[in-house]
């Protein structure tokens, strides 16, 4: 024991230099030095790092080695004991801490602005406020039930997304606490069997496939009401209606996507719902009014997005258009509703308004209408031989739609015959 001195430690060449009792100085060819304790427990030999020299002096290394030998004498694995001590020193994460990780992971997997927003809202103050500051492993099933109860029967569409999101937080926490803190979570407090025991039943099935929409006969009056509003969200909603694209594409629209000279907006694949089935961006012909809106936004350009949020560096919130619609209904007394079910209209519902108008009010080929909807047209063989996106025919269709939205009588609209 005690074979090394400070002088020998500093002068030692590359190799392993023992101090006795398993403690050694290991010198790399580069000259870096570290302390290692070699020991054997239950027939297993291991090397335990004790730090690098000169951060850890010879005397410090001997003390650390002595502490490890005491543990070995008691049959305790020193490396495992050190890891457990380090885990115990780390602060236990709260629900908010783990939720932030889950949100970031979920948002990284989606380019849909609505989906990204929903993850943040569902696991944030809006619904999970009572859980956020609690240490995640101390949350009980009763705590989870307290959060779910207000929405379980009244907002089944929220419940269906909120519940699995909360479950995901606890599953993430189970692994993180086990690996980083040495804490075992025996059960997930959001287990369905436990919630069921508290009286929960599966939320009502959602009716899917139909967004509340406005009859096309009322769209001109709606547009006139919308144009009376000065907000960027109002302009973005009108632009969405005139171009018949989905909300996500409008919110993420950037200036390089626009060719104002040729009145074309090229929506990149990343912003398209059907991007997995496309191999090229989607060209959107801009009717005159839509072009005016873009130029209006360009005159007050404050960032990369055509329809920027309040801070300029990000696009409008996914809730911006919905907020405009709600305010319009508040002022007009629920004038803008779907007459079939009495629900307030949505931004996405205007695609149904356009599709119905195109089918009933004008005479354009179905293939042109479907292209304007951004849908896949024809079977695989037909698509393999098609070399056009009928841009100019769609331009005529969208100009007719924009004119109708502006209150122009379209009885004499020119018919575009389908010539194959």
Foldseek 3Di string as FASTA:
>chain_A
DQPDDQVCLQVPAADWADRDQQWIWHAHNVGWIWIWGWDDAPRDIDIDTDGTPPVQPPVNSVVVNVVCVVCVVVRHHVVVVVQQVQLQPDDQAFLQVLLVVLLVVQVVVALFQVSSVLSDCLSDCNQLVVRGGHRLLPDALVSVCVRLVVCQAPPVVSSVVNLVSLQVSQVSSQVCCCPRRVDHRPDRRSDPVVVVVVPHDRGDDDDDDAFWAFALVCLLVVLVLLVVDDALLSLLLVLCLLLVADPQQSQQQFDVQDDLVQQKGWRALSSHPVSVVDDGTQITHHAPVSSVSQVVLVVVQQEGHSAPDPVNDGTHRPCSNVVVQVVSCVVVVLPQTRVVPSHHGDSNNSSVNLLVCCVPPAAEDPLLNCLSNVHDDDDPVVVVPDDDSVRVSNNLSSNLVVCVSNPHDCPPRDHDDDPD
